[in-house]
Amino acid sequence: MDLAYDLLDSGGKRWRPVLGMMFADCFGRDFKQSIKDGDVIEKNGDILYACALTEIIHNGSLMADDLEDKSLMRRGKPCTYIRYGEDYAVNTSTLMYIAPIIKLDTYIKDADKKQRFQDIYQEEMFNIHFG
């Protein structure tokens, strides 16, 4: 996961998660944390999960795209595949596509909604890779 965090920690505009939080706020969803008896309580953790999901997937696509295009720099540093090798970059970018949907059961209990999410996700992943 070091490669994934390396790219995620290197900056970026983060407009996808911010936009997600703004939409959540517009629809009355409170995603802020609170403290109760010394423990952090997350309200509507699904909001934070969805916002993180978009950023992880986006960064995974950047990592794969940099390798495909043989880009040299990403966010002021040599691209991941240059620093760590093509094999690690391919595996990490793939992991970044798959890992966010692993905990889907935690946030979507309804089987029909989960299937709809997976259908949309698969279609959009096809779209970004097809062209």
Foldseek 3Di string as FASTA:
>chain_A
DVLLVVQVVLDDDLVQLVVLVVVCVVVPFDQDWDADPNDIDGGPVVSVLVSVLVSLLVSLVVLVVCVVVVPQDDSRHGHSCVVPNPVVSPVSSVCSLVVSCPCVCVNDVDPVVNVVVVVVSVVVVCVVVVD
